């Protein structure tokens, strides 16, 4: 029975941290091309410099806790963003039984665009795994480790690791006058470098443990949308902090919801009735 719990907790952590970090929005599945019947507004990591100059959004430090339950197991996940001397550190951690996952990304922000420095993923417990991404603009390369194999790619300023992708999503929304109809990000994970797309669903009011929040709802564009769905809600009044994510695969949902958060030393508090 203990072995079963260990395997279940390992699988749960892997899926949950994947959702929390945004790698659900950076999966290796092919994506549907956006409809040609309308002209969508596209916000990319390489957002126009003139637009950034008008808004000059800055990422503020925060700490947030999230709750989830799946496969009969519940757990709390923690995320934090801090900065020192212009370098940002984004962390995710989760632990259940003796299985733990930690992820950390360092990056800078230049003209409203995230420039990666490095990314490290560690899985500990009965199975140990490690992933890394090293950005080296001086040498013109990006090195990526997955399944004990390093690959090397030509450096491009718009490429993100799977963790800092979440902050790029927030920055794109903070720098836009209105939520774009379509968002695009280029993400590296091992040997793969793929462009991912999120489409705007709606602006929604969401009941949370901190009160009712105004959110913007996005969904990943997928080719296999009948079997898989990945959605994210972000708080419009709190610098688009992640409030909820939901991933459904073959009818089985996993949802992560906000417990509490502190943004720039102020508690995130919604409306109460």
C-alpha atoms as a PDB file:
ATOM      1  CA  UNK A   1       0.000   0.000   0.000  1.00  0.00           C
ATOM      2  CA  UNK A   2       2.843   2.405   0.791  1.00  0.00           C
ATOM      3  CA  UNK A   3       4.331   1.808  -2.654  1.00  0.00           C
ATOM      4  CA  UNK A   4       0.966   2.596  -4.263  1.00  0.00           C
ATOM      5  CA  UNK A   5       0.755   5.847  -2.304  1.00  0.00           C
ATOM      6  CA  UNK A   6       4.302   6.751  -3.320  1.00  0.00           C
ATOM      7  CA  UNK A   7       3.590   6.156  -6.997  1.00  0.00           C
ATOM      8  CA  UNK A   8       0.296   8.069  -6.776  1.00  0.00           C
ATOM      9  CA  UNK A   9       1.912  10.998  -4.971  1.00  0.00           C
ATOM     10  CA  UNK A  10       4.730  11.114  -7.528  1.00  0.00           C
ATOM     11  CA  UNK A  11       2.253  11.164 -10.405  1.00  0.00           C
ATOM     12  CA  UNK A  12       0.079  13.766  -8.665  1.00  0.00           C
ATOM     13  CA  UNK A  13       2.996  16.089  -8.000  1.00  0.00           C
ATOM     14  CA  UNK A  14       4.259  15.794 -11.561  1.00  0.00           C
ATOM     15  CA  UNK A  15       0.842  16.673 -13.003  1.00  0.00           C
ATOM     16  CA  UNK A  16       0.113  19.445 -10.522  1.00  0.00           C
ATOM     17  CA  UNK A  17       3.457  21.184 -10.841  1.00  0.00           C
ATOM     18  CA  UNK A  18       3.107  20.890 -14.601  1.00  0.00           C
ATOM     19  CA  UNK A  19      -0.216  22.732 -14.427  1.00  0.00           C
ATOM     20  CA  UNK A  20       1.033  25.279 -11.911  1.00  0.00           C
ATOM     21  CA  UNK A  21       4.126  26.138 -13.916  1.00  0.00           C
ATOM     22  CA  UNK A  22       2.230  26.409 -17.151  1.00  0.00           C
ATOM     23  CA  UNK A  23       3.793  23.428 -18.892  1.00  0.00           C
ATOM     24  CA  UNK A  24       0.237  22.318 -19.663  1.00  0.00           C
ATOM     25  CA  UNK A  25       0.290  25.349 -21.935  1.00  0.00           C
ATOM     26  CA  UNK A  26       3.590  24.152 -23.353  1.00  0.00           C
ATOM     27  CA  UNK A  27       2.821  20.533 -24.063  1.00  0.00           C
ATOM     28  CA  UNK A  28       4.210  18.711 -27.073  1.00  0.00           C
ATOM     29  CA  UNK A  29       0.783  18.158 -28.574  1.00  0.00           C
ATOM     30  CA  UNK A  30       0.125  19.852 -31.936  1.00  0.00           C
ATOM     31  CA  UNK A  31      -2.086  22.916 -31.780  1.00  0.00           C
ATOM     32  CA  UNK A  32      -5.037  24.110 -33.823  1.00  0.00           C
ATOM     33  CA  UNK A  33      -4.294  27.052 -36.045  1.00  0.00           C
ATOM     34  CA  UNK A  34      -6.373  30.115 -35.089  1.00  0.00           C
ATOM     35  CA  UNK A  35      -9.469  30.738 -37.157  1.00  0.00           C
ATOM     36  CA  UNK A  36      -8.987  32.790 -40.310  1.00  0.00           C
ATOM     37  CA  UNK A  37     -12.559  34.090 -40.198  1.00  0.00           C
ATOM     38  CA  UNK A  38     -11.545  36.847 -37.787  1.00  0.00           C
ATOM     39  CA  UNK A  39      -8.433  38.903 -37.183  1.00  0.00           C
ATOM     40  CA  UNK A  40      -7.317  38.172 -33.624  1.00  0.00           C
ATOM     41  CA  UNK A  41      -5.183  40.490 -31.545  1.00  0.00           C
ATOM     42  CA  UNK A  42      -1.952  38.654 -30.810  1.00  0.00           C
ATOM     43  CA  UNK A  43       0.249  39.477 -27.837  1.00  0.00           C
ATOM     44  CA  UNK A  44       3.618  37.760 -28.007  1.00  0.00           C
ATOM     45  CA  UNK A  45       6.649  37.636 -25.768  1.00  0.00           C
ATOM     46  CA  UNK A  46       8.166  39.937 -28.391  1.00  0.00           C
ATOM     47  CA  UNK A  47       5.553  42.654 -27.793  1.00  0.00           C
ATOM     48  CA  UNK A  48       6.070  45.907 -29.681  1.00  0.00           C
ATOM     49  CA  UNK A  49       8.479  48.275 -27.909  1.00  0.00           C
ATOM     50  CA  UNK A  50       6.192  51.279 -28.447  1.00  0.00           C
ATOM     51  CA  UNK A  51       3.365  49.487 -26.645  1.00  0.00           C
ATOM     52  CA  UNK A  52       5.619  48.600 -23.721  1.00  0.00           C
ATOM     53  CA  UNK A  53       6.760  52.203 -23.445  1.00  0.00           C
ATOM     54  CA  UNK A  54       3.165  53.351 -22.996  1.00  0.00           C
ATOM     55  CA  UNK A  55       2.471  50.957 -20.128  1.00  0.00           C
ATOM     56  CA  UNK A  56       5.877  50.184 -18.514  1.00  0.00           C
ATOM     57  CA  UNK A  57       4.403  47.420 -16.344  1.00  0.00           C
ATOM     58  CA  UNK A  58       6.675  45.967 -13.690  1.00  0.00           C
ATOM     59  CA  UNK A  59       6.507  42.620 -11.963  1.00  0.00           C
ATOM     60  CA  UNK A  60       5.986  42.960  -8.211  1.00  0.00           C
ATOM     61  CA  UNK A  61       7.114  40.391  -5.636  1.00  0.00           C
ATOM     62  CA  UNK A  62       4.487  37.983  -4.343  1.00  0.00           C
ATOM     63  CA  UNK A  63       3.898  34.795  -2.378  1.00  0.00           C
ATOM     64  CA  UNK A  64       0.884  32.584  -3.062  1.00  0.00           C
ATOM     65  CA  UNK A  65      -0.504  29.271  -1.830  1.00  0.00           C
ATOM     66  CA  UNK A  66      -2.739  26.968  -3.854  1.00  0.00           C
ATOM     67  CA  UNK A  67      -4.805  23.905  -2.968  1.00  0.00           C
ATOM     68  CA  UNK A  68      -5.623  20.885  -5.053  1.00  0.00           C
ATOM     69  CA  UNK A  69      -6.943  17.363  -4.710  1.00  0.00           C
ATOM     70  CA  UNK A  70      -6.703  14.485  -7.142  1.00  0.00           C
ATOM     71  CA  UNK A  71      -6.526  10.695  -7.008  1.00  0.00           C
ATOM     72  CA  UNK A  72      -7.715  10.910  -3.404  1.00  0.00           C
ATOM     73  CA  UNK A  73      -4.720  13.019  -2.367  1.00  0.00           C
ATOM     74  CA  UNK A  74      -4.795  16.666  -1.321  1.00  0.00           C
ATOM     75  CA  UNK A  75      -1.882  19.054  -1.051  1.00  0.00           C
ATOM     76  CA  UNK A  76      -0.756  22.674  -0.853  1.00  0.00           C
ATOM     77  CA  UNK A  77       1.485  24.200  -3.497  1.00  0.00           C
ATOM     78  CA  UNK A  78       3.574  27.328  -2.966  1.00  0.00           C
ATOM     79  CA  UNK A  79       4.794  29.908  -5.451  1.00  0.00           C
ATOM     80  CA  UNK A  80       6.884  33.021  -4.948  1.00  0.00           C
ATOM     81  CA  UNK A  81       8.440  35.777  -7.029  1.00  0.00           C
ATOM     82  CA  UNK A  82      11.236  37.986  -5.723  1.00  0.00           C
ATOM     83  CA  UNK A  83      13.847  40.297  -7.225  1.00  0.00           C
ATOM     84  CA  UNK A  84      17.268  41.600  -6.326  1.00  0.00           C
ATOM     85  CA  UNK A  85      19.480  43.924  -8.385  1.00  0.00           C
ATOM     86  CA  UNK A  86      17.200  43.503 -11.406  1.00  0.00           C
ATOM     87  CA  UNK A  87      17.238  39.696 -11.343  1.00  0.00           C
ATOM     88  CA  UNK A  88      13.942  37.919 -10.685  1.00  0.00           C
ATOM     89  CA  UNK A  89      13.636  34.553  -8.933  1.00  0.00           C
ATOM     90  CA  UNK A  90      10.455  32.523  -9.452  1.00  0.00           C
ATOM     91  CA  UNK A  91       9.949  29.415  -7.305  1.00  0.00           C
ATOM     92  CA  UNK A  92       7.400  26.597  -7.121  1.00  0.00           C
ATOM     93  CA  UNK A  93       7.394  23.900  -4.447  1.00  0.00           C
ATOM     94  CA  UNK A  94       5.171  20.987  -3.522  1.00  0.00           C
ATOM     95  CA  UNK A  95       5.501  17.937  -1.291  1.00  0.00           C
ATOM     96  CA  UNK A  96       3.398  14.950  -0.365  1.00  0.00           C
ATOM     97  CA  UNK A  97       4.616  12.002   1.700  1.00  0.00           C
ATOM     98  CA  UNK A  98       8.347  11.832   0.927  1.00  0.00           C
ATOM     99  CA  UNK A  99       7.997  12.951  -2.697  1.00  0.00           C
ATOM    100  CA  UNK A 100       8.814  16.562  -3.507  1.00  0.00           C
ATOM    101  CA  UNK A 101       9.194  18.826  -6.492  1.00  0.00           C
ATOM    102  CA  UNK A 102      10.934  22.182  -6.635  1.00  0.00           C
ATOM    103  CA  UNK A 103      11.389  24.489  -9.586  1.00  0.00           C
ATOM    104  CA  UNK A 104      13.288  27.742  -9.842  1.00  0.00           C
ATOM    105  CA  UNK A 105      13.838  30.195 -12.681  1.00  0.00           C
ATOM    106  CA  UNK A 106      16.023  33.302 -12.833  1.00  0.00           C
ATOM    107  CA  UNK A 107      15.353  35.995 -15.399  1.00  0.00           C
ATOM    108  CA  UNK A 108      15.475  39.712 -16.140  1.00  0.00           C
ATOM    109  CA  UNK A 109      12.910  41.939 -17.838  1.00  0.00           C
ATOM    110  CA  UNK A 110      14.096  44.172 -20.674  1.00  0.00           C
ATOM    111  CA  UNK A 111      11.658  46.471 -22.483  1.00  0.00           C
ATOM    112  CA  UNK A 112       8.745  44.444 -21.146  1.00  0.00           C
ATOM    113  CA  UNK A 113      10.208  41.128 -22.347  1.00  0.00           C
ATOM    114  CA  UNK A 114      11.487  38.339 -20.098  1.00  0.00           C
ATOM    115  CA  UNK A 115      15.089  37.329 -20.729  1.00  0.00           C
ATOM    116  CA  UNK A 116      15.879  33.940 -19.214  1.00  0.00           C
ATOM    117  CA  UNK A 117      19.023  33.266 -17.197  1.00  0.00           C
ATOM    118  CA  UNK A 118      18.477  29.703 -16.007  1.00  0.00           C
ATOM    119  CA  UNK A 119      15.841  27.184 -14.921  1.00  0.00           C
ATOM    120  CA  UNK A 120      16.189  24.124 -12.666  1.00  0.00           C
ATOM    121  CA  UNK A 121      13.594  21.435 -11.922  1.00  0.00           C
ATOM    122  CA  UNK A 122      14.181  18.805  -9.242  1.00  0.00           C
ATOM    123  CA  UNK A 123      12.099  15.746  -8.398  1.00  0.00           C
ATOM    124  CA  UNK A 124      13.051  13.958  -5.194  1.00  0.00           C
ATOM    125  CA  UNK A 125      11.824  10.733  -3.601  1.00  0.00           C
ATOM    126  CA  UNK A 126      11.772   7.191  -4.922  1.00  0.00           C
ATOM    127  CA  UNK A 127      12.353   8.659  -8.391  1.00  0.00           C
ATOM    128  CA  UNK A 128      14.896  11.441  -8.895  1.00  0.00           C
ATOM    129  CA  UNK A 129      14.798  13.650 -11.941  1.00  0.00           C
ATOM    130  CA  UNK A 130      16.343  16.928 -12.993  1.00  0.00           C
ATOM    131  CA  UNK A 131      15.740  19.349 -15.827  1.00  0.00           C
ATOM    132  CA  UNK A 132      17.674  22.489 -16.627  1.00  0.00           C
ATOM    133  CA  UNK A 133      17.754  25.348 -19.095  1.00  0.00           C
ATOM    134  CA  UNK A 134      20.741  27.677 -19.417  1.00  0.00           C
ATOM    135  CA  UNK A 135      20.421  30.853 -21.465  1.00  0.00           C
ATOM    136  CA  UNK A 136      23.729  32.170 -22.834  1.00  0.00           C
ATOM    137  CA  UNK A 137      23.205  35.167 -25.141  1.00  0.00           C
ATOM    138  CA  UNK A 138      26.944  35.969 -25.201  1.00  0.00           C
ATOM    139  CA  UNK A 139      27.659  32.563 -26.738  1.00  0.00           C
ATOM    140  CA  UNK A 140      24.436  32.685 -28.752  1.00  0.00           C
ATOM    141  CA  UNK A 141      23.079  29.397 -27.378  1.00  0.00           C
ATOM    142  CA  UNK A 142      20.439  27.922 -25.079  1.00  0.00           C
ATOM    143  CA  UNK A 143      21.284  24.605 -23.423  1.00  0.00           C
ATOM    144  CA  UNK A 144      18.491  22.340 -22.226  1.00  0.00           C
ATOM    145  CA  UNK A 145      18.658  19.172 -20.109  1.00  0.00           C
ATOM    146  CA  UNK A 146      15.916  16.542 -20.136  1.00  0.00           C
ATOM    147  CA  UNK A 147      16.113  12.798 -19.452  1.00  0.00           C
ATOM    148  CA  UNK A 148      19.872  13.102 -18.743  1.00  0.00           C
ATOM    149  CA  UNK A 149      20.515  14.439 -22.278  1.00  0.00           C
ATOM    150  CA  UNK A 150      21.665  17.977 -23.051  1.00  0.00           C
ATOM    151  CA  UNK A 151      20.629  19.685 -26.284  1.00  0.00           C
ATOM    152  CA  UNK A 152      21.861  22.995 -27.654  1.00  0.00           C
ATOM    153  CA  UNK A 153      19.766  25.558 -29.503  1.00  0.00           C
ATOM    154  CA  UNK A 154      20.409  28.918 -31.127  1.00  0.00           C
ATOM    155  CA  UNK A 155      19.685  31.747 -28.706  1.00  0.00           C
ATOM    156  CA  UNK A 156      16.564  33.778 -29.425  1.00  0.00           C
ATOM    157  CA  UNK A 157      15.359  36.526 -27.056  1.00  0.00           C
ATOM    158  CA  UNK A 158      11.718  35.431 -27.093  1.00  0.00           C
ATOM    159  CA  UNK A 159      12.343  31.825 -25.951  1.00  0.00           C
ATOM    160  CA  UNK A 160      11.148  31.007 -22.419  1.00  0.00           C
ATOM    161  CA  UNK A 161      11.588  28.136 -20.024  1.00  0.00           C
ATOM    162  CA  UNK A 162       8.343  26.497 -18.930  1.00  0.00           C
ATOM    163  CA  UNK A 163       8.303  28.222 -15.510  1.00  0.00           C
ATOM    164  CA  UNK A 164       8.997  31.835 -16.484  1.00  0.00           C
ATOM    165  CA  UNK A 165       6.339  31.415 -19.190  1.00  0.00           C
ATOM    166  CA  UNK A 166       3.782  32.109 -16.435  1.00  0.00           C
ATOM    167  CA  UNK A 167       5.292  35.525 -15.706  1.00  0.00           C
ATOM    168  CA  UNK A 168       5.482  36.282 -19.429  1.00  0.00           C
ATOM    169  CA  UNK A 169       1.744  35.629 -19.577  1.00  0.00           C
ATOM    170  CA  UNK A 170       1.163  38.108 -16.734  1.00  0.00           C
ATOM    171  CA  UNK A 171       3.437  40.725 -18.324  1.00  0.00           C
ATOM    172  CA  UNK A 172       1.677  40.424 -21.680  1.00  0.00           C
ATOM    173  CA  UNK A 173      -1.661  41.107 -19.979  1.00  0.00           C
ATOM    174  CA  UNK A 174      -0.268  43.924 -17.838  1.00  0.00           C
ATOM    175  CA  UNK A 175       1.194  45.605 -20.926  1.00  0.00           C
ATOM    176  CA  UNK A 176      -2.028  45.345 -22.956  1.00  0.00           C
ATOM    177  CA  UNK A 177      -4.827  47.899 -22.882  1.00  0.00           C
ATOM    178  CA  UNK A 178      -7.342  45.025 -22.980  1.00  0.00           C
ATOM    179  CA  UNK A 179      -6.938  41.225 -22.743  1.00  0.00           C
ATOM    180  CA  UNK A 180      -5.709  40.082 -26.183  1.00  0.00           C
ATOM    181  CA  UNK A 181      -7.841  37.597 -28.070  1.00  0.00           C
ATOM    182  CA  UNK A 182      -4.790  35.425 -28.678  1.00  0.00           C
ATOM    183  CA  UNK A 183      -1.532  35.017 -26.765  1.00  0.00           C
ATOM    184  CA  UNK A 184       1.580  33.295 -28.094  1.00  0.00           C
ATOM    185  CA  UNK A 185       4.692  32.098 -26.283  1.00  0.00           C
ATOM    186  CA  UNK A 186       7.743  30.162 -27.436  1.00  0.00           C
ATOM    187  CA  UNK A 187       8.853  27.602 -24.847  1.00  0.00           C
ATOM    188  CA  UNK A 188      11.855  25.282 -24.638  1.00  0.00           C
ATOM    189  CA  UNK A 189      11.658  21.897 -22.920  1.00  0.00           C
ATOM    190  CA  UNK A 190      14.469  19.481 -23.658  1.00  0.00           C
ATOM    191  CA  UNK A 191      15.018  19.110 -27.377  1.00  0.00           C
ATOM    192  CA  UNK A 192      11.741  20.806 -28.267  1.00  0.00           C
ATOM    193  CA  UNK A 193      11.117  24.489 -28.915  1.00  0.00           C
ATOM    194  CA  UNK A 194       7.453  25.147 -29.654  1.00  0.00           C
ATOM    195  CA  UNK A 195       5.130  28.121 -29.993  1.00  0.00           C
ATOM    196  CA  UNK A 196       2.004  27.811 -27.818  1.00  0.00           C
ATOM    197  CA  UNK A 197      -1.258  29.697 -28.141  1.00  0.00           C
ATOM    198  CA  UNK A 198      -3.896  30.711 -25.601  1.00  0.00           C
ATOM    199  CA  UNK A 199      -7.261  32.105 -26.616  1.00  0.00           C
ATOM    200  CA  UNK A 200      -9.368  34.503 -24.584  1.00  0.00           C
ATOM    201  CA  UNK A 201     -12.594  32.920 -23.315  1.00  0.00           C
ATOM    202  CA  UNK A 202     -14.244  35.596 -21.159  1.00  0.00           C
ATOM    203  CA  UNK A 203     -13.862  38.075 -18.333  1.00  0.00           C
ATOM    204  CA  UNK A 204     -15.417  36.357 -15.328  1.00  0.00           C
ATOM    205  CA  UNK A 205     -16.161  36.923 -11.650  1.00  0.00           C
ATOM    206  CA  UNK A 206     -14.743  34.053  -9.624  1.00  0.00           C
ATOM    207  CA  UNK A 207     -15.548  33.013  -6.052  1.00  0.00           C
ATOM    208  CA  UNK A 208     -12.331  32.186  -4.190  1.00  0.00           C
ATOM    209  CA  UNK A 209     -11.137  31.697  -0.619  1.00  0.00           C
ATOM    210  CA  UNK A 210     -10.029  35.348  -0.547  1.00  0.00           C
ATOM    211  CA  UNK A 211     -13.389  36.603  -1.836  1.00  0.00           C
ATOM    212  CA  UNK A 212     -14.851  37.289  -5.253  1.00  0.00           C
ATOM    213  CA  UNK A 213     -12.266  38.336  -7.830  1.00  0.00           C
ATOM    214  CA  UNK A 214     -12.540  39.761 -11.332  1.00  0.00           C
ATOM    215  CA  UNK A 215     -10.600  37.454 -13.623  1.00  0.00           C
ATOM    216  CA  UNK A 216      -9.696  36.911 -17.242  1.00  0.00           C
ATOM    217  CA  UNK A 217     -10.142  33.349 -18.515  1.00  0.00           C
ATOM    218  CA  UNK A 218      -7.868  31.817 -21.178  1.00  0.00           C
ATOM    219  CA  UNK A 219      -7.814  28.356 -22.738  1.00  0.00           C
ATOM    220  CA  UNK A 220      -5.033  26.591 -24.585  1.00  0.00           C
ATOM    221  CA  UNK A 221      -5.715  25.945 -28.255  1.00  0.00           C
ATOM    222  CA  UNK A 222      -5.440  22.187 -28.776  1.00  0.00           C
ATOM    223  CA  UNK A 223      -5.907  19.850 -31.693  1.00  0.00           C
ATOM    224  CA  UNK A 224      -7.325  17.193 -29.358  1.00  0.00           C
ATOM    225  CA  UNK A 225      -9.751  19.556 -27.605  1.00  0.00           C
ATOM    226  CA  UNK A 226     -12.419  16.843 -27.288  1.00  0.00           C
ATOM    227  CA  UNK A 227     -10.201  14.826 -24.922  1.00  0.00           C
ATOM    228  CA  UNK A 228      -8.039  17.489 -23.281  1.00  0.00           C
ATOM    229  CA  UNK A 229      -8.674  21.007 -22.011  1.00  0.00           C
ATOM    230  CA  UNK A 230      -6.418  23.408 -20.138  1.00  0.00           C
ATOM    231  CA  UNK A 231      -7.808  26.649 -18.679  1.00  0.00           C
ATOM    232  CA  UNK A 232      -6.395  29.431 -16.520  1.00  0.00           C
ATOM    233  CA  UNK A 233      -7.999  32.337 -14.645  1.00  0.00           C
ATOM    234  CA  UNK A 234      -5.964  35.411 -13.635  1.00  0.00           C
ATOM    235  CA  UNK A 235      -6.973  38.259 -11.282  1.00  0.00           C
ATOM    236  CA  UNK A 236      -7.312  41.490 -13.246  1.00  0.00           C
ATOM    237  CA  UNK A 237      -7.067  43.752 -10.153  1.00  0.00           C
ATOM    238  CA  UNK A 238      -3.959  42.022  -8.791  1.00  0.00           C
ATOM    239  CA  UNK A 239      -1.490  42.157 -11.678  1.00  0.00           C
ATOM    240  CA  UNK A 240      -3.034  39.045 -13.243  1.00  0.00           C
ATOM    241  CA  UNK A 241      -1.956  36.750 -10.430  1.00  0.00           C
ATOM    242  CA  UNK A 242      -3.004  33.175 -11.149  1.00  0.00           C
ATOM    243  CA  UNK A 243      -6.248  32.331  -9.325  1.00  0.00           C
ATOM    244  CA  UNK A 244      -7.274  28.991 -10.786  1.00  0.00           C
ATOM    245  CA  UNK A 245      -6.131  26.433 -13.330  1.00  0.00           C
ATOM    246  CA  UNK A 246      -8.035  23.400 -14.563  1.00  0.00           C
ATOM    247  CA  UNK A 247      -6.812  20.536 -16.700  1.00  0.00           C
ATOM    248  CA  UNK A 248      -9.187  17.864 -18.015  1.00  0.00           C
ATOM    249  CA  UNK A 249      -7.917  14.740 -19.706  1.00  0.00           C
ATOM    250  CA  UNK A 250     -10.224  11.889 -20.758  1.00  0.00           C
ATOM    251  CA  UNK A 251     -12.939  13.280 -18.501  1.00  0.00           C
ATOM    252  CA  UNK A 252     -10.748  13.470 -15.368  1.00  0.00           C
ATOM    253  CA  UNK A 253     -10.293  17.025 -14.035  1.00  0.00           C
ATOM    254  CA  UNK A 254      -7.487  18.382 -11.877  1.00  0.00           C
ATOM    255  CA  UNK A 255      -8.023  21.871 -10.495  1.00  0.00           C
ATOM    256  CA  UNK A 256      -5.688  24.177  -8.582  1.00  0.00           C
ATOM    257  CA  UNK A 257      -7.264  27.070  -6.654  1.00  0.00           C
ATOM    258  CA  UNK A 258      -5.863  30.018  -4.739  1.00  0.00           C
ATOM    259  CA  UNK A 259      -5.815  29.794  -0.930  1.00  0.00           C
ATOM    260  CA  UNK A 260      -4.189  33.146  -0.181  1.00  0.00           C
ATOM    261  CA  UNK A 261      -1.566  35.515  -1.549  1.00  0.00           C
ATOM    262  CA  UNK A 262       0.472  38.600  -0.743  1.00  0.00           C
ATOM    263  CA  UNK A 263       1.340  40.917  -3.637  1.00  0.00           C
ATOM    264  CA  UNK A 264       3.898  43.660  -3.048  1.00  0.00           C
ATOM    265  CA  UNK A 265       3.433  43.326   0.754  1.00  0.00           C
ATOM    266  CA  UNK A 266      -0.378  43.664   0.494  1.00  0.00           C
ATOM    267  CA  UNK A 267      -2.810  40.783   0.988  1.00  0.00           C
ATOM    268  CA  UNK A 268      -4.908  39.808  -2.015  1.00  0.00           C
ATOM    269  CA  UNK A 269      -8.496  40.355  -0.838  1.00  0.00           C
ATOM    270  CA  UNK A 270     -11.596  40.122  -3.007  1.00  0.00           C
ATOM    271  CA  UNK A 271     -15.170  41.199  -2.470  1.00  0.00           C
ATOM    272  CA  UNK A 272     -17.161  39.597   0.352  1.00  0.00           C
ATOM    273  CA  UNK A 273     -20.888  39.635   0.862  1.00  0.00           C
END
